[in-house]
Amino acid sequence: MILLSVLPVSVALGIDAMSLAVSIGLAGIKRREFFLLTGIITVFHIIMPLSGLSLGTYLGRLIGPLAGVIGALVLISIGLSTIWGGIQELRGKATKPQTRDKWLLNLNNPVSLVLLAASVSLDALTVGFGLGAVRVDLFTTVLTMGVVAGLMTAAGLISGRRLNHAFGEKAELVSGIILVIVGIKLLLG
């Protein structure tokens, strides 16, 4: 019974991760990066609700709205950077490996990886603030949130990789546009 009530919340939390994953898959991703990103987003979707629960109600009211804004701004900035790289590539001023290894979309950079995972997991932090107010099996709840987010991330990466072949040279540009749209959606609520 608990799983039926937690699953819709978990899917809602995983949608941002999936959108990000489609965008990254469009830009191109290696097997190692696939597993690394899927794993860290899964972990963040477990840690964030637990952190939110630990921080308590006061910080929930204070940080809750701000968390969404921070996540949105991170995604918008990554998207704009990716769009710029895509435009440069289409103009012939950059090659794919150079634009792919740029600052925030470099999945081999631990800071970039944490920023990406945190930006799509901040809503799970605010959900954690409310977990203390309701009686739920905490272990099952956060594990479900993490597993669902991980599966949705993997599905998004696979879909993005397939779309990459369809979009060809414009894939990086489309990837950045998706990130900006997701960031704006998060910003507007």
Protein backbone atom coordinates (compact mmCIF):
# COMPACT_ATOMS: atom_id res chain seq x y z
CA MET A 1 0.00 0.00 0.00
CA ILE A 2 2.84 2.39 0.81
CA LEU A 3 4.38 1.80 -2.60
CA LEU A 4 1.16 2.86 -4.37
CA SER A 5 1.17 6.21 -2.59
CA VAL A 6 4.92 6.81 -3.00
CA LEU A 7 5.20 5.81 -6.66
CA PRO A 8 3.36 8.83 -8.14
CA VAL A 9 5.49 11.20 -6.05
CA SER A 10 8.62 9.35 -7.15
CA VAL A 11 7.65 9.63 -10.83
CA ALA A 12 6.94 13.34 -10.40
CA LEU A 13 10.38 13.81 -8.83
CA GLY A 14 12.04 11.77 -11.59
CA ILE A 15 10.61 13.78 -14.48
CA ASP A 16 13.24 16.52 -14.17
CA ALA A 17 16.00 13.92 -14.03
CA MET A 18 14.62 12.25 -17.14
CA SER A 19 14.41 15.56 -19.02
CA LEU A 20 18.01 16.34 -18.10
CA ALA A 21 19.04 12.84 -19.18
CA VAL A 22 17.37 13.17 -22.59
CA SER A 23 19.23 16.42 -23.07
CA ILE A 24 22.57 14.90 -22.10
CA GLY A 25 21.92 11.83 -24.24
CA LEU A 26 21.29 14.15 -27.18
CA ALA A 27 24.66 15.81 -26.65
CA GLY A 28 26.32 12.41 -26.60
CA ILE A 29 27.31 10.23 -23.67
CA LYS A 30 29.80 7.45 -23.12
CA ARG A 31 28.97 4.19 -21.34
CA ARG A 32 30.94 5.17 -18.21
CA GLU A 33 29.13 8.53 -18.05
CA PHE A 34 25.80 6.74 -18.50
CA PHE A 35 26.33 4.63 -15.40
CA LEU A 36 27.94 7.45 -13.43
CA LEU A 37 25.11 9.92 -14.04
CA THR A 38 22.38 7.32 -13.46
CA GLY A 39 24.04 6.26 -10.22
CA ILE A 40 24.60 9.72 -8.81
CA ILE A 41 21.07 10.86 -9.61
CA THR A 42 19.75 7.73 -7.90
CA VAL A 43 21.86 8.44 -4.83
CA PHE A 44 20.86 12.12 -4.76
CA HIS A 45 17.18 11.17 -4.92
CA ILE A 46 17.73 9.07 -1.80
CA ILE A 47 19.96 11.52 0.10
CA MET A 48 17.96 14.68 -0.61
CA PRO A 49 14.68 13.57 1.00
CA LEU A 50 16.65 12.28 3.99
CA SER A 51 18.47 15.61 4.21
CA GLY A 52 15.19 17.46 3.99
CA LEU A 53 13.77 15.34 6.78
CA SER A 54 16.84 16.01 8.92
CA LEU A 55 16.83 19.76 8.32
CA GLY A 56 13.33 20.09 9.63
CA THR A 57 10.32 22.25 9.09
CA TYR A 58 11.94 25.64 9.72
CA LEU A 59 14.58 25.24 7.02
CA GLY A 60 11.93 23.73 4.77
CA ARG A 61 9.98 26.96 4.78
CA LEU A 62 13.14 29.00 4.31
CA ILE A 63 14.97 26.93 1.68
CA GLY A 64 12.04 25.19 -0.03
CA PRO A 65 11.20 27.88 -2.59
CA LEU A 66 14.86 28.87 -2.99
CA ALA A 67 15.92 25.27 -3.74
CA GLY A 68 13.76 25.17 -6.87
CA VAL A 69 15.11 28.52 -8.06
CA ILE A 70 18.73 27.40 -7.61
CA GLY A 71 18.12 24.15 -9.49
CA ALA A 72 16.34 26.01 -12.29
CA LEU A 73 19.13 28.57 -12.68
CA VAL A 74 21.78 25.83 -12.82
CA LEU A 75 19.87 24.02 -15.60
CA ILE A 76 19.29 27.26 -17.54
CA SER A 77 22.99 28.17 -17.37
CA ILE A 78 24.02 24.67 -18.50
CA GLY A 79 21.46 24.87 -21.32
CA LEU A 80 22.67 28.28 -22.49
CA SER A 81 26.26 27.06 -22.45
CA THR A 82 25.27 24.00 -24.47
CA ILE A 83 23.32 26.13 -26.97
CA TRP A 84 26.36 28.38 -27.39
CA GLY A 85 28.56 25.33 -27.99
CA GLY A 86 26.05 24.00 -30.52
CA ILE A 87 25.99 27.30 -32.38
CA GLN A 88 29.80 27.41 -32.43
CA GLU A 89 29.89 23.84 -33.73
CA LEU A 90 27.39 24.58 -36.50
CA ARG A 91 29.45 27.61 -37.53
CA GLY A 92 32.50 25.38 -37.73
CA LYS A 93 34.38 27.24 -34.98
CA ALA A 94 34.51 24.29 -32.64
CA THR A 95 34.62 20.54 -32.88
CA LYS A 96 32.27 18.25 -30.99
CA PRO A 97 34.88 17.01 -28.46
CA GLN A 98 35.79 20.59 -27.52
CA THR A 99 32.21 21.70 -26.93
CA ARG A 100 31.29 18.41 -25.24
CA ASP A 101 34.05 18.84 -22.68
CA LYS A 102 32.95 22.33 -21.67
CA TRP A 103 32.64 23.30 -18.05
CA LEU A 104 29.20 22.23 -16.80
CA LEU A 105 28.42 19.40 -19.19
CA ASN A 106 31.66 17.55 -18.50
CA LEU A 107 30.42 14.45 -16.68
CA ASN A 108 34.00 13.46 -15.86
CA ASN A 109 34.28 16.56 -13.67
CA PRO A 110 32.97 15.70 -10.16
CA VAL A 111 31.77 19.27 -9.58
CA SER A 112 29.74 19.23 -12.80
CA LEU A 113 28.31 15.83 -11.98
CA VAL A 114 27.23 16.91 -8.49
CA LEU A 115 25.74 20.18 -9.81
CA LEU A 116 23.70 18.34 -12.43
CA ALA A 117 22.45 15.72 -9.97
CA ALA A 118 21.70 18.30 -7.29
CA SER A 119 19.84 20.58 -9.69
CA VAL A 120 17.31 17.87 -10.53
CA SER A 121 17.18 16.53 -6.97
CA LEU A 122 16.43 19.74 -5.09
CA ASP A 123 12.70 19.10 -5.33
CA ALA A 124 13.32 15.81 -3.50
CA LEU A 125 14.87 17.89 -0.71
CA THR A 126 11.64 19.82 -0.27
CA VAL A 127 9.64 16.57 -0.32
CA GLY A 128 11.86 15.40 2.51
CA PHE A 129 10.76 18.39 4.59
CA GLY A 130 7.22 17.01 4.50
CA LEU A 131 8.18 13.41 5.25
CA GLY A 132 8.43 14.15 8.95
CA ALA A 133 4.83 15.31 9.04
CA VAL A 134 3.39 12.07 7.66
CA ARG A 135 3.85 8.52 8.78
CA VAL A 136 5.62 6.62 6.04
CA ASP A 137 8.10 3.80 5.94
CA LEU A 138 11.11 6.04 5.42
CA PHE A 139 13.38 3.33 4.00
CA THR A 140 10.83 2.19 1.40
CA THR A 141 9.91 5.77 0.51
CA VAL A 142 13.42 7.09 -0.18
CA LEU A 143 14.55 3.87 -1.83
CA THR A 144 11.55 4.04 -4.18
CA MET A 145 12.31 7.68 -4.97
CA GLY A 146 15.92 6.85 -5.78
CA VAL A 147 15.21 3.75 -7.88
CA VAL A 148 12.47 5.46 -9.89
CA ALA A 149 14.68 8.51 -10.54
CA GLY A 150 17.54 6.22 -11.58
CA LEU A 151 15.36 4.24 -13.98
CA MET A 152 13.90 7.42 -15.46
CA THR A 153 17.41 8.84 -15.88
CA ALA A 154 18.57 5.70 -17.69
CA ALA A 155 15.51 5.79 -19.95
CA GLY A 156 16.15 9.46 -20.71
CA LEU A 157 19.81 8.85 -21.55
CA ILE A 158 18.90 5.99 -23.89
CA SER A 159 16.18 8.07 -25.58
CA GLY A 160 18.53 11.02 -25.94
CA ARG A 161 21.25 8.86 -27.46
CA ARG A 162 18.78 7.57 -30.04
CA LEU A 163 17.54 11.09 -30.79
CA ASN A 164 21.17 12.17 -31.22
CA HIS A 165 21.36 10.04 -34.35
CA ALA A 166 18.16 11.62 -35.68
CA PHE A 167 19.25 15.22 -35.08
CA GLY A 168 22.86 14.81 -36.21
CA GLU A 169 24.86 18.03 -35.98
CA LYS A 170 22.00 19.92 -34.37
CA ALA A 171 21.75 17.49 -31.42
CA GLU A 172 23.80 19.67 -29.08
CA LEU A 173 21.68 22.72 -29.90
CA VAL A 174 18.46 20.76 -29.24
CA SER A 175 19.99 19.45 -26.01
CA GLY A 176 20.64 22.98 -24.74
CA ILE A 177 17.14 24.14 -25.67
CA ILE A 178 15.63 21.25 -23.70
CA LEU A 179 17.73 22.15 -20.65
CA VAL A 180 16.66 25.79 -20.82
CA ILE A 181 12.99 24.78 -21.14
CA VAL A 182 13.25 22.42 -18.15
CA GLY A 183 14.99 25.16 -16.14
CA ILE A 184 12.33 27.71 -17.02
CA LYS A 185 9.60 25.19 -16.14
CA LEU A 186 11.22 24.67 -12.75
CA LEU A 187 11.62 28.42 -12.26
CA LEU A 188 7.98 29.17 -13.04
CA GLY A 189 6.82 26.30 -10.90
